[in-house]
Structures are given as C-alpha cells and as structure tokens.
Amino acid sequence: MCGLIDIRWMKQAARVFFGLLIMGLFAGCATQVRLNMLLPADYHEASLTKTVAVLPFGGPDGAATAAEFEAVIGGINIDNKQYFTLVDRSSIDKTISELKLAQSGLVDTGTAARIGGLVGAQGIYAGVVTQTGWNDSPYRETRQECVQREIKRDDKGRTYEGSCIRWRSRQVSCIKRVAGFSCSPKLIEVRTSRVLYAQNLSGSADASGCEDGNPLPGGPELLHKAREIAKAEFRKDIAPHYVTKVVSLMDDTAGMTSSEAKDKLKRGIEYAAKGRMDQACELWGESRILSPSAPSVLYDLGVCAESRGDFDAALKLYREADKQLGKPDDRITLALNRMTEAIRNRTKLQQQLKN
C-alpha cells in the first residue's frame, strides 16, 4: 500500500484550501498525495442566490424534511464563512399564518415567490416529499449442520470426534429491509418567479438479516441513511464542494545526469513522505536547476504548484514534463486533465464565492 499525504490546497484567487496530513510511506511504492479540490456548485444560479428561505415541503414528513434541508443550507461554510443567509424561520411561519395559506399552496411557484418577497428573500425553496419509509421482504436461507461425526481413537485408546460424516439441511427465516427516500425541491427566484433549480433527489439503504445472525438494523436507521444520501446530493447541487484526487509523485531519475540532482529529487520525496511539502518543493526546485529537463522533477514541481492553487503554473510544468518524457504516462495525463478542469471551473467558482 502506498503512503498517502493529505493535502488541501488553497489560493485566494481560487479559494482552494491547503492542508497536509502524512499517512505513511512504504518501500516499493510511489508516494501519493491526496488533493482536495474545490469545485463549483452543479447548479450555478442556485449557488448565486445567497439569501434564501425554506417553506414547509408537501407530502409525508414534509415539515421535518424542509427543516433538514434548511439545516443543510445553513451549515454550508466555505473558507470559514457561512455561504448562505437564511431568513428566520419565525418570519416565514408568521407570514404563512397571516396569509392563511394552506399547506398545498406552498409549492405553487407564484405563492412561494410572494412569500419570499414578504420575508426579504432573494430565493425561496419549496418542495414535495414523494417517498419516505421502508419495506420488509421475508425470505429463507438454507443452513447445513452436522448431525454425526466420526469417532476416532488416539494412540492411548482415548476417543475423540473427527470430521463430520452426516449433514442435514434446515431453513431459517430472514428479512431484507429496504428504506427509500425521495423528494423534489425547487428554488424560485422571488423577483421573477422563475425556477432556478429543480431536482428529483433520492436515496436508499438496505440490510438483510436472519434469525440466527446479527440483529437487523431498524427501519428508522436505514431511512436516516437514505435521507442523508439525498441531502448530500442537494449540498453538491447548490454550493461549491470538495472532491478528492489522489496523485502519485514521480521518482524516476531518467534524464538526470547530475548525482546531486538525483539526490535532491530523492530527498524531496522523503520530505514529502513526512508531510514536509515546503522542503520537498524547495529541493525539487534546486534539482531542476541542475537537471532542467528531468521529467520527474518537472512533474513533482507541477504538484507543488497545484498544491498552492497556481493552476496555470502547474499546467505549464505538467506539459513540459510530458514533452521531455516523450511518451504517454498515466500520471501526467491525469494531471493535465485535472488542470484543464480546474482552469475551466475557475471563473465560475470565483463568481460563486463572491459575497
């Protein structure tokens, strides 16, 4: 198993959080770095609507579900700053009461926008819960049990049981429990009554158990897992979020004629394995001066630039490493793809992170 370094990287322009955690280094395997990249929300307009309110959802457990989704929105923090501003729940309840609105009216686009305007929101979430619960399906499994064993004697004449010589089958009762949750939230722009976001979110969780085994997880426990899956998808839809990429460093000394350059490359890898990327990058920079065309040094310096959030510099270094190597390399190909994606997402991410 390869050693892993956990790096969260950030630069003000890109807002990429940088952190470092050494997980260990083992011989015979390239040192790996885990990069947590901040990606823009999947739904750009939803992410730009920063002051929002959440209405009670329709359907079973609608009010409780709305409260859970409201908690997701209120709990989103980027760079130690709350991402959304939530309208106070009491203001929403008071407005609904004053307007004498029925629950069924809360999912209507025009009505939702009207409420949003009265409580000072830019956008208002409404929705319907279409499934929440679990079902049990009984089934049976076959067990084999020994009913007779061979009787043997040791060299002192004492008897003992040997291998099984007769078996019998028996049936045991089992249950498969499946929990499912689905809902359809939508975000309505208050000013125009336009729907900015609408998704069908769902999650499921299941477990099986038999009477002769461990206890089966309860329905509420499985339903909680199903709801968490749907809420995690919602979180990714509406705000910037991190994804993890695992990157292998390069330690091949091909193209290096200087023994000192090779030594600095090796020592840099050792420092990286101990969580000292600052020192590693410094050594690789010195190695590059001695062997400016070495693919491994160029690539590893690209990882340094990427870890700082300097995607343009990283892309340039990865391209130079690719050119100097002169043949395809999976690590370089993945790096080029990462940087292309990061640069493509940069403008959208910067817009989403503005106040």
Protein backbone atom coordinates (compact mmCIF):
# COMPACT_ATOMS: atom_id res chain seq x y z
CA MET A 1 0.00 0.00 0.00
CA CYS A 2 1.31 3.40 -0.93
CA GLY A 3 1.98 6.16 1.60
CA LEU A 4 -0.55 8.96 1.42
CA ILE A 5 -0.18 12.63 2.14
CA ASP A 6 -3.46 14.51 2.54
CA ILE A 7 -3.16 17.99 1.03
CA ARG A 8 -5.93 20.57 0.95
CA TRP A 9 -4.82 23.45 -1.13
CA MET A 10 -5.94 26.98 -1.46
CA LYS A 11 -5.07 30.24 -3.09
CA GLN A 12 -7.11 33.39 -2.59
CA ALA A 13 -7.95 33.67 -6.28
CA ALA A 14 -9.13 30.05 -6.47
CA ARG A 15 -10.18 29.54 -2.84
CA VAL A 16 -8.58 26.12 -2.60
CA PHE A 17 -7.96 25.05 0.97
CA PHE A 18 -4.49 23.71 1.76
CA GLY A 19 -3.77 21.21 4.49
CA LEU A 20 -1.26 18.43 4.97
CA LEU A 21 -1.52 15.08 6.72
CA ILE A 22 1.08 12.34 6.37
CA MET A 23 -0.36 8.84 6.27
CA GLY A 24 2.90 6.88 5.98
CA LEU A 25 5.41 5.72 3.37
CA PHE A 26 6.14 2.13 2.41
CA ALA A 27 9.00 0.80 0.32
CA GLY A 28 8.41 -0.23 -3.28
CA CYS A 29 5.51 2.11 -3.93
CA ALA A 30 5.36 5.68 -5.16
CA THR A 31 4.48 8.33 -2.60
CA GLN A 32 0.95 9.59 -3.14
CA VAL A 33 -0.66 12.93 -2.43
CA ARG A 34 -4.35 13.42 -1.79
CA LEU A 35 -5.60 16.72 -3.23
CA ASN A 36 -8.99 18.05 -2.16
CA MET A 37 -10.16 20.29 -4.98
CA LEU A 38 -12.92 22.85 -4.52
CA LEU A 39 -15.39 22.57 -7.39
CA PRO A 40 -18.24 24.94 -8.27
CA ALA A 41 -21.84 24.05 -7.49
CA ASP A 42 -23.53 21.88 -10.08
CA TYR A 43 -26.32 24.46 -10.42
CA HIS A 44 -24.70 27.84 -10.89
CA GLU A 45 -27.78 30.08 -10.48
CA ALA A 46 -28.77 28.34 -7.26
CA SER A 47 -25.32 29.00 -5.83
CA LEU A 48 -25.54 32.71 -6.67
CA THR A 49 -28.83 33.16 -4.80
CA LYS A 50 -27.39 33.79 -1.36
CA THR A 51 -30.36 34.99 0.77
CA VAL A 52 -32.95 32.24 0.86
CA ALA A 53 -35.94 30.95 2.78
CA VAL A 54 -37.28 27.42 3.02
CA LEU A 55 -41.00 26.69 3.04
CA PRO A 56 -42.52 23.55 4.56
CA PHE A 57 -42.49 20.77 1.96
CA GLY A 58 -45.61 18.95 0.89
CA GLY A 59 -46.05 15.21 1.29
CA PRO A 60 -45.31 12.88 4.21
CA ASP A 61 -42.90 14.34 6.78
CA GLY A 62 -42.80 17.49 4.66
CA ALA A 63 -42.22 19.93 7.51
CA ALA A 64 -39.46 17.80 9.04
CA THR A 65 -37.81 17.34 5.65
CA ALA A 66 -37.86 21.09 4.99
CA ALA A 67 -36.19 21.64 8.37
CA GLU A 68 -33.46 19.14 7.46
CA PHE A 69 -32.80 20.81 4.10
CA GLU A 70 -32.78 24.19 5.82
CA ALA A 71 -30.10 22.84 8.17
CA VAL A 72 -28.04 21.71 5.17
CA ILE A 73 -28.23 25.20 3.66
CA GLY A 74 -27.40 26.91 6.94
CA GLY A 75 -24.49 24.57 7.60
CA ILE A 76 -22.57 25.31 4.41
CA ASN A 77 -19.31 27.11 5.18
CA ILE A 78 -16.57 27.92 2.67
CA ASP A 79 -13.29 29.39 3.87
CA ASN A 80 -14.74 29.63 7.40
CA LYS A 81 -17.58 31.84 6.19
CA GLN A 82 -21.27 30.95 6.05
CA TYR A 83 -22.19 30.63 2.39
CA PHE A 84 -25.94 31.30 2.51
CA THR A 85 -28.03 33.70 4.59
CA LEU A 86 -31.24 32.08 5.84
CA VAL A 87 -34.41 34.02 6.54
CA ASP A 88 -35.54 33.48 10.11
CA ARG A 89 -37.99 30.60 10.40
CA SER A 90 -40.36 32.57 12.65
CA SER A 91 -40.75 35.26 9.96
CA ILE A 92 -41.77 32.63 7.43
CA ASP A 93 -44.25 30.96 9.78
CA LYS A 94 -45.76 34.33 10.70
CA THR A 95 -46.19 35.29 7.03
CA ILE A 96 -47.79 31.96 6.18
CA SER A 97 -50.18 32.34 9.10
CA GLU A 98 -51.10 35.92 8.19
CA LEU A 99 -51.82 34.94 4.59
CA LYS A 100 -53.90 31.98 5.81
CA LEU A 101 -52.27 29.70 3.27
CA ALA A 102 -53.00 26.01 3.06
CA GLN A 103 -50.11 23.56 3.00
CA SER A 104 -50.86 22.59 -0.61
CA GLY A 105 -50.39 26.20 -1.71
CA LEU A 106 -46.81 26.37 -0.52
CA VAL A 107 -45.41 24.50 -3.51
CA ASP A 108 -47.05 26.82 -6.04
CA THR A 109 -44.41 28.97 -7.75
CA GLY A 110 -46.31 32.25 -7.58
CA THR A 111 -47.32 31.80 -3.96
CA ALA A 112 -43.80 30.82 -2.93
CA ALA A 113 -42.36 33.91 -4.65
CA ARG A 114 -44.93 36.10 -2.92
CA ILE A 115 -43.95 34.77 0.50
CA GLY A 116 -40.28 35.18 -0.36
CA GLY A 117 -40.83 38.83 -1.21
CA LEU A 118 -42.61 39.48 2.07
CA VAL A 119 -39.79 37.97 4.16
CA GLY A 120 -36.95 39.63 2.24
CA ALA A 121 -35.50 36.59 0.46
CA GLN A 122 -33.86 36.56 -2.96
CA GLY A 123 -34.93 32.98 -3.48
CA ILE A 124 -37.27 30.58 -1.76
CA TYR A 125 -37.15 26.80 -1.59
CA ALA A 126 -40.31 24.73 -1.80
CA GLY A 127 -40.72 21.05 -2.42
CA VAL A 128 -42.64 17.80 -2.12
CA VAL A 129 -41.66 14.57 -0.41
CA THR A 130 -42.73 11.70 -2.64
CA GLN A 131 -41.35 8.75 -0.67
CA THR A 132 -40.19 8.14 2.87
CA GLY A 133 -40.30 4.79 4.64
CA TRP A 134 -39.14 1.21 4.47
CA ASN A 135 -40.42 -2.23 3.49
CA ASP A 136 -39.57 -5.71 4.76
CA SER A 137 -39.37 -8.69 2.41
CA PRO A 138 -39.22 -12.11 4.09
CA TYR A 139 -37.14 -14.89 2.60
CA ARG A 140 -35.45 -18.08 3.72
CA GLU A 141 -31.89 -19.34 3.67
CA THR A 142 -30.57 -22.87 3.94
CA ARG A 143 -28.14 -23.86 6.66
CA GLN A 144 -26.06 -27.04 6.79
CA GLU A 145 -25.38 -28.54 10.20
CA CYS A 146 -23.52 -31.64 11.26
CA VAL A 147 -25.59 -34.37 12.96
CA GLN A 148 -22.93 -37.08 13.20
CA ARG A 149 -19.16 -37.02 13.47
CA GLU A 150 -16.62 -39.75 13.01
CA ILE A 151 -15.40 -41.24 16.31
CA LYS A 152 -11.66 -41.78 16.43
CA ARG A 153 -9.16 -43.09 18.96
CA ASP A 154 -5.76 -41.72 19.74
CA ASP A 155 -2.65 -43.83 20.37
CA LYS A 156 -3.69 -44.22 24.01
CA GLY A 157 -7.13 -45.51 23.12
CA ARG A 158 -9.00 -42.34 24.03
CA THR A 159 -11.92 -41.41 21.79
CA TYR A 160 -12.44 -38.04 20.13
CA GLU A 161 -14.64 -36.60 17.40
CA GLY A 162 -13.27 -36.36 13.90
CA SER A 163 -14.73 -34.90 10.73
CA CYS A 164 -18.45 -34.75 10.02
CA ILE A 165 -19.88 -37.83 8.26
CA ARG A 166 -23.57 -36.85 8.14
CA TRP A 167 -25.18 -33.49 7.49
CA ARG A 168 -28.70 -32.17 7.43
CA SER A 169 -30.25 -29.04 5.97
CA ARG A 170 -32.54 -26.65 7.76
CA GLN A 171 -34.32 -23.46 6.76
CA VAL A 172 -34.03 -20.19 8.66
CA SER A 173 -36.27 -17.15 8.37
CA CYS A 174 -34.68 -13.94 7.09
CA ILE A 175 -35.75 -10.41 6.24
CA LYS A 176 -34.47 -7.93 3.68
CA ARG A 177 -35.28 -4.38 4.76
CA VAL A 178 -35.14 -1.57 2.19
CA ALA A 179 -35.57 2.10 3.09
CA GLY A 180 -36.19 4.74 0.46
CA PHE A 181 -36.49 8.50 0.41
CA SER A 182 -37.19 10.88 -2.45
CA CYS A 183 -38.24 14.50 -2.74
CA SER A 184 -38.39 17.25 -5.33
CA PRO A 185 -37.03 20.57 -4.04
CA LYS A 186 -37.06 23.67 -6.20
CA LEU A 187 -35.63 27.15 -5.82
CA ILE A 188 -37.79 30.03 -7.01
CA GLU A 189 -36.36 33.46 -7.74
CA VAL A 190 -38.51 35.93 -5.82
CA ARG A 191 -38.12 38.83 -8.26
CA THR A 192 -39.20 36.92 -11.37
CA SER A 193 -40.94 33.77 -10.03
CA ARG A 194 -38.52 31.84 -12.24
CA VAL A 195 -37.47 28.36 -11.13
CA LEU A 196 -33.68 28.44 -10.76
CA TYR A 197 -33.26 24.89 -9.51
CA ALA A 198 -35.45 21.79 -9.60
CA GLN A 199 -34.27 18.29 -8.90
CA ASN A 200 -35.61 14.87 -8.03
CA LEU A 201 -33.40 13.73 -5.17
CA SER A 202 -33.44 10.21 -3.80
CA GLY A 203 -31.54 7.83 -1.58
CA SER A 204 -31.89 4.23 -0.50
CA ALA A 205 -30.34 1.90 2.04
CA ASP A 206 -30.90 -1.79 2.67
CA ALA A 207 -29.86 -4.57 5.00
CA SER A 208 -30.57 -8.26 5.37
CA GLY A 209 -30.59 -10.46 8.45
CA CYS A 210 -31.63 -13.90 9.60
CA GLU A 211 -32.95 -15.23 12.89
CA ASP A 212 -29.67 -16.98 13.63
CA GLY A 213 -27.48 -13.97 12.87
CA ASN A 214 -26.90 -10.39 13.96
CA PRO A 215 -29.91 -8.13 14.61
CA LEU A 216 -31.28 -6.36 11.55
CA PRO A 217 -30.85 -2.55 11.56
CA GLY A 218 -34.09 -0.78 12.31
CA GLY A 219 -36.14 0.94 9.65
CA PRO A 220 -35.52 4.44 11.06
CA GLU A 221 -31.76 3.85 10.97
CA LEU A 222 -31.84 2.81 7.31
CA LEU A 223 -34.21 5.65 6.43
CA HIS A 224 -31.80 8.12 8.04
CA LYS A 225 -29.04 6.82 5.75
CA ALA A 226 -31.30 7.17 2.71
CA ARG A 227 -32.17 10.76 3.62
CA GLU A 228 -28.50 11.61 4.16
CA ILE A 229 -27.71 10.45 0.62
CA ALA A 230 -30.34 12.77 -0.84
CA LYS A 231 -29.19 15.70 1.30
CA ALA A 232 -25.56 15.18 0.26
CA GLU A 233 -26.63 15.42 -3.39
CA PHE A 234 -28.55 18.60 -2.62
CA ARG A 235 -25.49 20.08 -0.91
CA LYS A 236 -23.39 19.41 -4.01
CA ASP A 237 -26.01 20.94 -6.29
CA ILE A 238 -26.28 24.33 -4.62
CA ALA A 239 -22.81 25.31 -3.36
CA PRO A 240 -19.09 24.77 -4.03
CA HIS A 241 -17.88 21.42 -2.74
CA TYR A 242 -14.67 19.44 -2.37
CA VAL A 243 -13.71 16.33 -4.31
CA THR A 244 -10.63 14.27 -3.55
CA LYS A 245 -7.99 13.37 -6.13
CA VAL A 246 -5.10 11.02 -5.34
CA VAL A 247 -1.86 11.92 -7.12
CA SER A 248 1.34 9.85 -7.31
CA LEU A 249 4.68 11.65 -7.22
CA MET A 250 7.38 10.68 -9.73
CA ASP A 251 10.79 9.47 -8.53
CA ASP A 252 12.36 8.17 -11.75
CA THR A 253 15.81 9.69 -12.34
CA ALA A 254 15.65 9.38 -16.14
CA GLY A 255 17.16 12.43 -17.84
CA MET A 256 19.22 13.36 -14.78
CA THR A 257 22.98 13.39 -15.32
CA SER A 258 23.88 15.09 -12.04
CA SER A 259 24.19 12.86 -8.98
CA GLU A 260 23.40 15.87 -6.81
CA ALA A 261 20.17 16.44 -8.75
CA LYS A 262 19.20 12.80 -8.20
CA ASP A 263 19.92 13.10 -4.50
CA LYS A 264 17.79 16.23 -4.18
CA LEU A 265 14.91 14.51 -6.00
CA LYS A 266 15.14 11.54 -3.64
CA ARG A 267 15.41 13.70 -0.52
CA GLY A 268 12.44 15.74 -1.70
CA ILE A 269 10.36 12.57 -1.95
CA GLU A 270 11.44 11.65 1.59
CA TYR A 271 10.42 15.07 2.90
CA ALA A 272 7.08 14.80 1.09
CA ALA A 273 6.52 11.43 2.72
CA LYS A 274 6.96 13.08 6.11
CA GLY A 275 4.47 15.83 5.38
CA ARG A 276 7.13 18.46 4.57
CA MET A 277 5.98 19.60 1.15
CA ASP A 278 7.56 23.00 1.72
CA GLN A 279 11.03 21.48 1.98
CA ALA A 280 10.28 18.93 -0.75
CA CYS A 281 9.35 21.65 -3.23
CA GLU A 282 12.48 23.63 -2.35
CA LEU A 283 14.70 20.59 -3.01
CA TRP A 284 12.96 19.84 -6.30
CA GLY A 285 13.47 23.44 -7.34
CA GLU A 286 17.20 23.07 -6.65
CA SER A 287 17.22 19.77 -8.54
CA ARG A 288 15.65 21.46 -11.55
CA ILE A 289 18.50 23.98 -11.71
CA LEU A 290 20.95 21.06 -12.01
CA SER A 291 18.75 18.96 -14.36
CA PRO A 292 16.27 21.34 -16.01
CA SER A 293 14.83 18.75 -18.40
CA ALA A 294 14.20 15.87 -15.97
CA PRO A 295 10.52 14.79 -16.34
CA SER A 296 10.14 13.65 -12.72
CA VAL A 297 11.38 16.96 -11.32
CA LEU A 298 9.15 18.97 -13.66
CA TYR A 299 6.15 16.83 -12.76
CA ASP A 300 6.74 16.98 -9.00
CA LEU A 301 7.15 20.76 -9.20
CA GLY A 302 3.81 20.76 -11.02
CA VAL A 303 2.29 19.04 -7.99
CA CYS A 304 3.84 21.78 -5.83
CA ALA A 305 2.22 24.48 -7.97
CA GLU A 306 -1.09 22.63 -7.93
CA SER A 307 -0.95 22.34 -4.14
CA ARG A 308 -0.58 26.14 -3.96
CA GLY A 309 -3.57 26.64 -6.23
CA ASP A 310 -1.39 28.04 -9.05
CA PHE A 311 -3.09 26.07 -11.80
CA ASP A 312 -1.53 27.95 -14.72
CA ALA A 313 2.00 27.26 -13.47
CA ALA A 314 1.09 23.64 -12.74
CA LEU A 315 -0.29 23.13 -16.24
CA LYS A 316 2.87 24.60 -17.78
CA LEU A 317 5.09 22.28 -15.72
CA TYR A 318 2.99 19.20 -16.48
CA ARG A 319 3.11 19.99 -20.20
CA GLU A 320 6.88 20.39 -20.05
CA ALA A 321 7.21 17.07 -18.20
CA ASP A 322 5.06 15.43 -20.86
CA LYS A 323 7.22 16.90 -23.62
CA GLN A 324 10.51 15.86 -22.01
CA LEU A 325 9.32 12.33 -21.25
CA GLY A 326 8.39 11.79 -24.89
CA LYS A 327 5.87 9.02 -24.23
CA PRO A 328 2.46 8.69 -22.58
CA ASP A 329 2.38 8.49 -18.79
CA ASP A 330 -0.86 7.99 -16.86
CA ARG A 331 0.19 10.30 -14.03
CA ILE A 332 0.93 13.17 -16.39
CA THR A 333 -2.25 12.57 -18.38
CA LEU A 334 -4.36 12.70 -15.22
CA ALA A 335 -2.54 15.86 -14.10
CA LEU A 336 -3.19 17.60 -17.42
CA ASN A 337 -6.88 16.69 -17.19
CA ARG A 338 -7.10 17.97 -13.61
CA MET A 339 -5.59 21.31 -14.52
CA THR A 340 -7.78 21.70 -17.59
CA GLU A 341 -10.83 21.12 -15.40
CA ALA A 342 -9.58 23.44 -12.63
CA ILE A 343 -8.91 26.30 -15.05
CA ARG A 344 -12.27 25.77 -16.76
CA ASN A 345 -14.06 25.93 -13.40
CA ARG A 346 -12.08 28.88 -12.05
CA THR A 347 -14.27 31.75 -13.29
CA LYS A 348 -17.49 30.06 -12.23
CA LEU A 349 -16.02 29.26 -8.82
CA GLN A 350 -14.84 32.84 -8.30
CA GLN A 351 -18.35 34.10 -9.12
CA GLN A 352 -19.91 31.70 -6.65
CA LEU A 353 -17.52 32.71 -3.88
CA LYS A 354 -18.22 36.44 -4.18
CA ASN A 355 -20.22 37.97 -1.35
